[in-house]
Amino acid sequence: MITKLLEKTGLLVTARAHCDVPCGIYDTGPALYHAVSVVRLMDQFLAADDSAFLTKARLVANKEEQAEAVKHEIRVIWGDYVKPPIVEKYPNIHELTHSIMMTASKCKQDCHREDGEKLVELVNEFAEIFWATKGVETGKAPCPYEPKLPVVFPKLG
């Protein structure tokens, strides 16, 4: 009962984190999933009839959530996993991360497909670097669903 009361008053805040203890379990797959989703939602928004206001509003809200999820996933890997030896080997990692953050923000602000495509490209570049730090070879292929953009994947086994 106290928890419900605190929740209703806003005094109880839910904390969320990937991991404050270096568990070593990181993956760029979720960031790519969210980035591709941004483009798909843009496509659906642009194809929707202007009279479908509620549908378009829902698509915009989902697009913004997906773009924010990209930022979250990349920020966790960059903040928790990227250490000085990685920065020494990949000196552009900070600028790349910043570019992802800025491009995801652009995707939240508007519905320009080229911004969404750029977001996928940047996250792909980040994924290539990430998997290289793990000594894992990568490939690139169109995702098997719309918008069928090329995505980086680890070649496992």
N, C-alpha and C. Protein backbone atom coordinates (compact mmCIF):
# COMPACT_ATOMS: atom_id res chain seq x y z
N MET A 1 0.82 -1.18 0.00
CA MET A 1 0.00 0.00 0.00
C MET A 1 0.88 1.26 0.00
N ILE A 2 1.96 1.23 0.76
CA ILE A 2 2.86 2.38 0.80
C ILE A 2 3.50 2.59 -0.57
N THR A 3 3.88 1.49 -1.23
CA THR A 3 4.50 1.60 -2.56
C THR A 3 3.54 2.26 -3.53
N LYS A 4 2.28 1.83 -3.54
CA LYS A 4 1.29 2.43 -4.44
C LYS A 4 1.09 3.91 -4.15
N LEU A 5 1.06 4.26 -2.90
CA LEU A 5 0.91 5.66 -2.52
C LEU A 5 2.10 6.49 -3.00
N LEU A 6 3.30 5.97 -2.80
CA LEU A 6 4.50 6.68 -3.24
C LEU A 6 4.55 6.80 -4.76
N GLU A 7 4.12 5.75 -5.46
CA GLU A 7 4.08 5.80 -6.93
C GLU A 7 3.14 6.90 -7.40
N LYS A 8 1.96 6.98 -6.78
CA LYS A 8 0.96 7.97 -7.19
C LYS A 8 1.42 9.40 -6.91
N THR A 9 2.19 9.59 -5.87
CA THR A 9 2.67 10.93 -5.53
C THR A 9 3.92 11.31 -6.32
N GLY A 10 4.51 10.33 -7.00
CA GLY A 10 5.73 10.60 -7.76
C GLY A 10 6.99 10.55 -6.92
N LEU A 11 6.86 10.14 -5.68
CA LEU A 11 8.02 10.07 -4.79
C LEU A 11 8.82 8.79 -4.97
N LEU A 12 8.21 7.79 -5.60
CA LEU A 12 8.91 6.53 -5.85
C LEU A 12 9.35 6.52 -7.31
N VAL A 13 10.63 6.46 -7.52
CA VAL A 13 11.18 6.48 -8.87
C VAL A 13 11.76 5.11 -9.18
N THR A 14 11.44 4.59 -10.34
CA THR A 14 11.97 3.31 -10.75
C THR A 14 13.31 3.54 -11.43
N ALA A 15 14.33 2.86 -10.94
CA ALA A 15 15.66 2.96 -11.55
C ALA A 15 15.83 1.84 -12.55
N ARG A 16 16.42 2.17 -13.69
CA ARG A 16 16.68 1.16 -14.72
C ARG A 16 18.14 1.27 -15.13
N ALA A 17 18.76 0.12 -15.31
CA ALA A 17 20.15 0.10 -15.76
C ALA A 17 20.42 -1.23 -16.43
N HIS A 18 21.36 -1.23 -17.36
CA HIS A 18 21.76 -2.50 -17.95
C HIS A 18 22.52 -3.28 -16.89
N CYS A 19 23.56 -2.66 -16.40
CA CYS A 19 24.40 -3.38 -15.45
C CYS A 19 25.43 -2.43 -14.87
N ASP A 20 25.42 -2.24 -13.59
CA ASP A 20 26.45 -1.42 -12.96
C ASP A 20 27.67 -2.25 -12.60
N VAL A 21 27.53 -3.55 -12.65
CA VAL A 21 28.66 -4.46 -12.44
C VAL A 21 29.04 -4.94 -13.84
N PRO A 22 30.31 -4.82 -14.22
CA PRO A 22 30.69 -5.20 -15.59
C PRO A 22 30.45 -6.69 -15.87
N CYS A 23 29.25 -7.00 -16.33
CA CYS A 23 28.91 -8.39 -16.62
C CYS A 23 29.49 -8.84 -17.95
N GLY A 24 29.81 -7.89 -18.82
CA GLY A 24 30.40 -8.25 -20.11
C GLY A 24 29.38 -8.68 -21.15
N ILE A 25 28.11 -8.58 -20.84
CA ILE A 25 27.08 -9.00 -21.80
C ILE A 25 26.53 -7.75 -22.47
N TYR A 26 27.10 -7.45 -23.63
CA TYR A 26 26.67 -6.32 -24.44
C TYR A 26 26.47 -6.81 -25.85
N ASP A 27 25.58 -6.16 -26.59
CA ASP A 27 25.30 -6.58 -27.95
C ASP A 27 24.71 -5.38 -28.69
N THR A 28 25.13 -5.17 -29.91
CA THR A 28 24.61 -4.06 -30.69
C THR A 28 23.31 -4.42 -31.42
N GLY A 29 22.91 -5.67 -31.36
CA GLY A 29 21.68 -6.10 -32.03
C GLY A 29 20.45 -5.28 -31.67
N PRO A 30 20.20 -5.04 -30.37
CA PRO A 30 19.03 -4.23 -30.04
C PRO A 30 19.08 -2.82 -30.63
N ALA A 31 20.24 -2.20 -30.66
CA ALA A 31 20.35 -0.86 -31.24
C ALA A 31 20.01 -0.89 -32.73
N LEU A 32 20.46 -1.91 -33.43
CA LEU A 32 20.14 -2.03 -34.86
C LEU A 32 18.65 -2.29 -35.06
N TYR A 33 18.09 -3.14 -34.23
CA TYR A 33 16.65 -3.41 -34.30
C TYR A 33 15.86 -2.10 -34.16
N HIS A 34 16.23 -1.30 -33.18
CA HIS A 34 15.52 -0.04 -32.95
C HIS A 34 15.75 0.95 -34.09
N ALA A 35 16.98 0.99 -34.62
CA ALA A 35 17.28 1.91 -35.73
C ALA A 35 16.49 1.55 -36.98
N VAL A 36 16.42 0.27 -37.29
CA VAL A 36 15.64 -0.17 -38.45
C VAL A 36 14.15 0.11 -38.21
N SER A 37 13.71 -0.06 -36.98
CA SER A 37 12.31 0.24 -36.64
C SER A 37 11.98 1.71 -36.88
N VAL A 38 12.94 2.59 -36.61
CA VAL A 38 12.74 4.02 -36.86
C VAL A 38 12.41 4.24 -38.34
N VAL A 39 13.20 3.62 -39.22
CA VAL A 39 12.97 3.79 -40.66
C VAL A 39 11.63 3.19 -41.06
N ARG A 40 11.32 2.02 -40.54
CA ARG A 40 10.04 1.38 -40.87
C ARG A 40 8.86 2.26 -40.44
N LEU A 41 8.95 2.83 -39.26
CA LEU A 41 7.87 3.69 -38.78
C LEU A 41 7.77 4.97 -39.61
N MET A 42 8.91 5.49 -40.05
CA MET A 42 8.90 6.66 -40.95
C MET A 42 8.18 6.30 -42.24
N ASP A 43 8.52 5.13 -42.79
CA ASP A 43 7.88 4.69 -44.04
C ASP A 43 6.37 4.58 -43.86
N GLN A 44 5.95 4.00 -42.76
CA GLN A 44 4.51 3.84 -42.51
C GLN A 44 3.84 5.20 -42.33
N PHE A 45 4.51 6.10 -41.63
CA PHE A 45 3.97 7.45 -41.44
C PHE A 45 3.80 8.15 -42.78
N LEU A 46 4.84 8.10 -43.61
CA LEU A 46 4.80 8.79 -44.89
C LEU A 46 3.77 8.18 -45.84
N ALA A 47 3.48 6.89 -45.68
CA ALA A 47 2.51 6.22 -46.54
C ALA A 47 1.08 6.37 -46.03
N ALA A 48 0.91 6.75 -44.78
CA ALA A 48 -0.43 6.84 -44.19
C ALA A 48 -1.20 8.02 -44.76
N ASP A 49 -2.48 7.83 -44.91
CA ASP A 49 -3.37 8.87 -45.37
C ASP A 49 -3.41 10.00 -44.33
N ASP A 50 -3.38 11.22 -44.81
CA ASP A 50 -3.38 12.37 -43.90
C ASP A 50 -4.61 12.41 -42.99
N SER A 51 -5.69 11.78 -43.39
CA SER A 51 -6.89 11.78 -42.56
C SER A 51 -6.78 10.80 -41.39
N ALA A 52 -5.77 9.93 -41.43
CA ALA A 52 -5.58 8.94 -40.36
C ALA A 52 -4.75 9.56 -39.23
N PHE A 53 -5.29 10.62 -38.63
CA PHE A 53 -4.55 11.38 -37.63
C PHE A 53 -4.08 10.52 -36.47
N LEU A 54 -4.95 9.71 -35.90
CA LEU A 54 -4.57 8.89 -34.74
C LEU A 54 -3.51 7.87 -35.10
N THR A 55 -3.62 7.30 -36.28
CA THR A 55 -2.60 6.34 -36.73
C THR A 55 -1.26 7.04 -36.89
N LYS A 56 -1.28 8.20 -37.52
CA LYS A 56 -0.03 8.94 -37.71
C LYS A 56 0.56 9.38 -36.37
N ALA A 57 -0.29 9.78 -35.44
CA ALA A 57 0.20 10.19 -34.11
C ALA A 57 0.86 9.00 -33.40
N ARG A 58 0.23 7.84 -33.50
CA ARG A 58 0.80 6.63 -32.87
C ARG A 58 2.13 6.26 -33.53
N LEU A 59 2.22 6.36 -34.84
CA LEU A 59 3.47 6.05 -35.54
C LEU A 59 4.58 7.00 -35.12
N VAL A 60 4.26 8.28 -34.99
CA VAL A 60 5.26 9.26 -34.56
C VAL A 60 5.73 8.95 -33.14
N ALA A 61 4.79 8.66 -32.26
CA ALA A 61 5.16 8.34 -30.87
C ALA A 61 6.06 7.10 -30.82
N ASN A 62 5.72 6.08 -31.59
CA ASN A 62 6.55 4.87 -31.61
C ASN A 62 7.92 5.14 -32.22
N LYS A 63 7.96 5.97 -33.27
CA LYS A 63 9.24 6.32 -33.89
C LYS A 63 10.15 7.01 -32.88
N GLU A 64 9.58 7.92 -32.11
CA GLU A 64 10.37 8.64 -31.11
C GLU A 64 10.87 7.69 -30.02
N GLU A 65 10.04 6.74 -29.61
CA GLU A 65 10.46 5.74 -28.62
C GLU A 65 11.61 4.89 -29.16
N GLN A 66 11.50 4.49 -30.40
CA GLN A 66 12.54 3.65 -31.01
C GLN A 66 13.85 4.42 -31.14
N ALA A 67 13.78 5.68 -31.52
CA ALA A 67 14.99 6.50 -31.64
C ALA A 67 15.64 6.69 -30.27
N GLU A 68 14.84 6.88 -29.25
CA GLU A 68 15.38 7.01 -27.89
C GLU A 68 16.00 5.69 -27.43
N ALA A 69 15.40 4.59 -27.83
CA ALA A 69 15.96 3.27 -27.48
C ALA A 69 17.33 3.06 -28.13
N VAL A 70 17.50 3.56 -29.36
CA VAL A 70 18.83 3.49 -30.01
C VAL A 70 19.84 4.22 -29.14
N LYS A 71 19.49 5.42 -28.74
CA LYS A 71 20.40 6.23 -27.92
C LYS A 71 20.74 5.50 -26.62
N HIS A 72 19.75 4.91 -26.00
CA HIS A 72 19.99 4.19 -24.75
C HIS A 72 20.96 3.02 -24.95
N GLU A 73 20.68 2.20 -25.95
CA GLU A 73 21.51 1.00 -26.19
C GLU A 73 22.96 1.38 -26.49
N ILE A 74 23.16 2.38 -27.33
CA ILE A 74 24.51 2.81 -27.69
C ILE A 74 25.19 3.47 -26.50
N ARG A 75 24.45 4.27 -25.76
CA ARG A 75 25.01 4.94 -24.58
C ARG A 75 25.50 3.94 -23.54
N VAL A 76 24.76 2.85 -23.34
CA VAL A 76 25.18 1.83 -22.37
C VAL A 76 26.47 1.17 -22.82
N ILE A 77 26.55 0.78 -24.07
CA ILE A 77 27.78 0.14 -24.55
C ILE A 77 28.94 1.13 -24.48
N TRP A 78 28.72 2.34 -24.95
CA TRP A 78 29.79 3.34 -24.95
C TRP A 78 30.23 3.66 -23.52
N GLY A 79 29.28 3.83 -22.63
CA GLY A 79 29.62 4.23 -21.27
C GLY A 79 30.18 3.11 -20.40
N ASP A 80 29.69 1.89 -20.60
CA ASP A 80 30.08 0.78 -19.73
C ASP A 80 31.16 -0.11 -20.32
N TYR A 81 31.20 -0.22 -21.65
CA TYR A 81 32.10 -1.17 -22.29
C TYR A 81 33.35 -0.53 -22.89
N VAL A 82 33.17 0.64 -23.49
CA VAL A 82 34.28 1.27 -24.21
C VAL A 82 35.27 1.84 -23.19
N LYS A 83 36.45 1.26 -23.16
CA LYS A 83 37.52 1.64 -22.23
C LYS A 83 38.72 2.19 -23.03
N PRO A 84 39.71 2.78 -22.35
CA PRO A 84 40.84 3.40 -23.06
C PRO A 84 41.51 2.53 -24.13
N PRO A 85 41.72 1.23 -23.92
CA PRO A 85 42.35 0.45 -25.01
C PRO A 85 41.51 0.45 -26.30
N ILE A 86 40.20 0.46 -26.15
CA ILE A 86 39.33 0.50 -27.33
C ILE A 86 39.43 1.87 -28.00
N VAL A 87 39.45 2.92 -27.19
CA VAL A 87 39.56 4.28 -27.73
C VAL A 87 40.89 4.46 -28.47
N GLU A 88 41.95 3.88 -27.93
CA GLU A 88 43.26 3.96 -28.60
C GLU A 88 43.21 3.28 -29.96
N LYS A 89 42.56 2.14 -30.04
CA LYS A 89 42.49 1.40 -31.31
C LYS A 89 41.47 2.00 -32.28
N TYR A 90 40.40 2.59 -31.74
CA TYR A 90 39.33 3.18 -32.55
C TYR A 90 39.09 4.62 -32.07
N PRO A 91 39.98 5.54 -32.42
CA PRO A 91 39.90 6.90 -31.88
C PRO A 91 38.65 7.68 -32.29
N ASN A 92 37.93 7.20 -33.28
CA ASN A 92 36.71 7.90 -33.71
C ASN A 92 35.47 7.44 -32.94
N ILE A 93 35.62 6.54 -31.97
CA ILE A 93 34.46 5.97 -31.28
C ILE A 93 33.63 7.04 -30.55
N HIS A 94 34.29 8.03 -29.97
CA HIS A 94 33.54 9.08 -29.28
C HIS A 94 32.73 9.92 -30.27
N GLU A 95 33.37 10.32 -31.36
CA GLU A 95 32.67 11.11 -32.38
C GLU A 95 31.55 10.30 -33.02
N LEU A 96 31.78 9.01 -33.26
CA LEU A 96 30.75 8.15 -33.83
C LEU A 96 29.55 8.06 -32.88
N THR A 97 29.83 7.87 -31.60
CA THR A 97 28.75 7.80 -30.62
C THR A 97 27.96 9.11 -30.58
N HIS A 98 28.67 10.22 -30.61
CA HIS A 98 28.00 11.52 -30.62
C HIS A 98 27.15 11.67 -31.88
N SER A 99 27.65 11.23 -33.01
CA SER A 99 26.89 11.31 -34.26
C SER A 99 25.62 10.47 -34.19
N ILE A 100 25.71 9.31 -33.56
CA ILE A 100 24.52 8.47 -33.38
C ILE A 100 23.50 9.21 -32.52
N MET A 101 23.96 9.81 -31.43
CA MET A 101 23.04 10.54 -30.54
C MET A 101 22.35 11.68 -31.29
N MET A 102 23.12 12.44 -32.06
CA MET A 102 22.57 13.59 -32.78
C MET A 102 21.61 13.14 -33.88
N THR A 103 21.97 12.07 -34.59
CA THR A 103 21.11 11.58 -35.67
C THR A 103 19.82 10.98 -35.12
N ALA A 104 19.92 10.26 -34.00
CA ALA A 104 18.71 9.73 -33.37
C ALA A 104 17.80 10.88 -32.93
N SER A 105 18.39 11.95 -32.45
CA SER A 105 17.59 13.12 -32.07
C SER A 105 16.90 13.73 -33.29
N LYS A 106 17.61 13.80 -34.41
CA LYS A 106 16.99 14.30 -35.64
C LYS A 106 15.79 13.43 -36.02
N CYS A 107 15.95 12.12 -35.85
CA CYS A 107 14.87 11.19 -36.19
C CYS A 107 13.67 11.40 -35.28
N LYS A 108 13.91 11.83 -34.06
CA LYS A 108 12.81 12.11 -33.15
C LYS A 108 12.11 13.40 -33.55
N GLN A 109 12.85 14.36 -34.08
CA GLN A 109 12.32 15.68 -34.37
C GLN A 109 11.48 15.74 -35.63
N ASP A 110 11.76 14.86 -36.58
CA ASP A 110 11.10 14.95 -37.87
C ASP A 110 10.91 13.56 -38.46
N CYS A 111 10.55 13.51 -39.72
CA CYS A 111 10.28 12.22 -40.37
C CYS A 111 10.97 12.17 -41.73
N HIS A 112 12.27 12.50 -41.74
CA HIS A 112 13.04 12.45 -42.98
C HIS A 112 13.73 11.09 -43.05
N ARG A 113 13.32 10.30 -44.05
CA ARG A 113 13.83 8.93 -44.17
C ARG A 113 15.35 8.90 -44.23
N GLU A 114 15.95 9.89 -44.88
CA GLU A 114 17.42 9.89 -45.01
C GLU A 114 18.09 9.98 -43.63
N ASP A 115 17.45 10.63 -42.67
CA ASP A 115 17.99 10.66 -41.31
C ASP A 115 17.92 9.26 -40.69
N GLY A 116 16.83 8.56 -40.93
CA GLY A 116 16.70 7.20 -40.43
C GLY A 116 17.73 6.27 -41.05
N GLU A 117 17.93 6.40 -42.37
CA GLU A 117 18.94 5.58 -43.04
C GLU A 117 20.33 5.88 -42.50
N LYS A 118 20.60 7.15 -42.25
CA LYS A 118 21.90 7.56 -41.69
C LYS A 118 22.08 6.95 -40.30
N LEU A 119 21.01 6.92 -39.51
CA LEU A 119 21.07 6.31 -38.19
C LEU A 119 21.46 4.84 -38.28
N VAL A 120 20.84 4.13 -39.20
CA VAL A 120 21.17 2.70 -39.38
C VAL A 120 22.64 2.56 -39.80
N GLU A 121 23.10 3.41 -40.72
CA GLU A 121 24.50 3.36 -41.16
C GLU A 121 25.46 3.57 -39.99
N LEU A 122 25.17 4.56 -39.17
CA LEU A 122 26.05 4.86 -38.03
C LEU A 122 26.05 3.73 -37.01
N VAL A 123 24.89 3.17 -36.73
CA VAL A 123 24.82 2.06 -35.79
C VAL A 123 25.53 0.84 -36.38
N ASN A 124 25.44 0.64 -37.68
CA ASN A 124 26.20 -0.44 -38.33
C ASN A 124 27.71 -0.24 -38.13
N GLU A 125 28.17 0.99 -38.30
CA GLU A 125 29.59 1.29 -38.11
C GLU A 125 30.00 1.00 -36.66
N PHE A 126 29.16 1.41 -35.73
CA PHE A 126 29.41 1.15 -34.31
C PHE A 126 29.45 -0.37 -34.06
N ALA A 127 28.53 -1.10 -34.66
CA ALA A 127 28.47 -2.55 -34.49
C ALA A 127 29.74 -3.22 -35.03
N GLU A 128 30.23 -2.76 -36.16
CA GLU A 128 31.47 -3.33 -36.71
C GLU A 128 32.63 -3.14 -35.74
N ILE A 129 32.73 -1.95 -35.19
CA ILE A 129 33.80 -1.68 -34.21
C ILE A 129 33.60 -2.54 -32.97
N PHE A 130 32.38 -2.57 -32.47
CA PHE A 130 32.09 -3.35 -31.26
C PHE A 130 32.51 -4.80 -31.45
N TRP A 131 32.06 -5.43 -32.53
CA TRP A 131 32.38 -6.85 -32.73
C TRP A 131 33.86 -7.05 -32.98
N ALA A 132 34.53 -6.09 -33.61
CA ALA A 132 35.98 -6.20 -33.81
C ALA A 132 36.70 -6.22 -32.46
N THR A 133 36.20 -5.45 -31.49
CA THR A 133 36.84 -5.46 -30.16
C THR A 133 36.70 -6.81 -29.48
N LYS A 134 35.72 -7.57 -29.89
CA LYS A 134 35.49 -8.91 -29.34
C LYS A 134 36.19 -9.99 -30.17
N GLY A 135 36.84 -9.56 -31.27
CA GLY A 135 37.49 -10.53 -32.14
C GLY A 135 36.51 -11.36 -32.94
N VAL A 136 35.32 -10.80 -33.18
CA VAL A 136 34.27 -11.52 -33.90
C VAL A 136 34.12 -10.92 -35.29
N GLU A 137 34.19 -11.78 -36.29
CA GLU A 137 34.01 -11.35 -37.67
C GLU A 137 32.54 -10.98 -37.88
N THR A 138 32.31 -9.99 -38.75
CA THR A 138 30.93 -9.57 -39.03
C THR A 138 30.61 -9.73 -40.50
N GLY A 139 29.34 -9.73 -40.78
CA GLY A 139 28.84 -9.70 -42.14
C GLY A 139 27.81 -8.59 -42.23
N LYS A 140 27.34 -8.35 -43.43
CA LYS A 140 26.30 -7.34 -43.63
C LYS A 140 25.33 -7.88 -44.66
N ALA A 141 24.06 -7.82 -44.33
CA ALA A 141 23.01 -8.30 -45.23
C ALA A 141 21.74 -7.51 -44.97
N PRO A 142 20.87 -7.45 -45.97
CA PRO A 142 19.59 -6.78 -45.74
C PRO A 142 18.81 -7.51 -44.66
N CYS A 143 18.17 -6.75 -43.78
CA CYS A 143 17.33 -7.40 -42.76
C CYS A 143 16.17 -8.09 -43.48
N PRO A 144 15.66 -9.18 -42.93
CA PRO A 144 14.65 -9.97 -43.63
C PRO A 144 13.23 -9.42 -43.56
N TYR A 145 13.08 -8.17 -43.18
CA TYR A 145 11.78 -7.54 -43.06
C TYR A 145 11.92 -6.10 -43.54
N GLU A 146 10.79 -5.50 -43.82
CA GLU A 146 10.83 -4.10 -44.27
C GLU A 146 11.46 -3.24 -43.19
N PRO A 147 12.33 -2.36 -43.56
CA PRO A 147 12.61 -1.79 -44.87
C PRO A 147 13.76 -2.45 -45.62
N LYS A 148 14.17 -3.64 -45.16
CA LYS A 148 15.20 -4.43 -45.84
C LYS A 148 16.53 -3.68 -46.01
N LEU A 149 16.86 -2.86 -45.02
CA LEU A 149 18.14 -2.14 -45.03
C LEU A 149 19.26 -3.08 -44.61
N PRO A 150 20.48 -2.85 -45.12
CA PRO A 150 21.60 -3.71 -44.70
C PRO A 150 21.95 -3.47 -43.23
N VAL A 151 22.16 -4.56 -42.51
CA VAL A 151 22.55 -4.49 -41.11
C VAL A 151 23.76 -5.39 -40.87
N VAL A 152 24.58 -4.97 -39.92
CA VAL A 152 25.78 -5.73 -39.53
C VAL A 152 25.36 -6.80 -38.53
N PHE A 153 25.91 -7.99 -38.69
CA PHE A 153 25.62 -9.06 -37.77
C PHE A 153 26.93 -9.81 -37.47
N PRO A 154 27.03 -10.37 -36.26
CA PRO A 154 28.23 -11.14 -35.92
C PRO A 154 28.14 -12.52 -36.56
N LYS A 155 29.24 -12.99 -37.10
CA LYS A 155 29.30 -14.35 -37.63
C LYS A 155 29.69 -15.27 -36.47
N LEU A 156 28.70 -15.91 -35.90
CA LEU A 156 28.93 -16.77 -34.75
C LEU A 156 28.92 -18.24 -35.19
N GLY A 157 29.99 -18.93 -34.83
CA GLY A 157 30.08 -20.37 -35.07
C GLY A 157 30.09 -20.70 -36.51
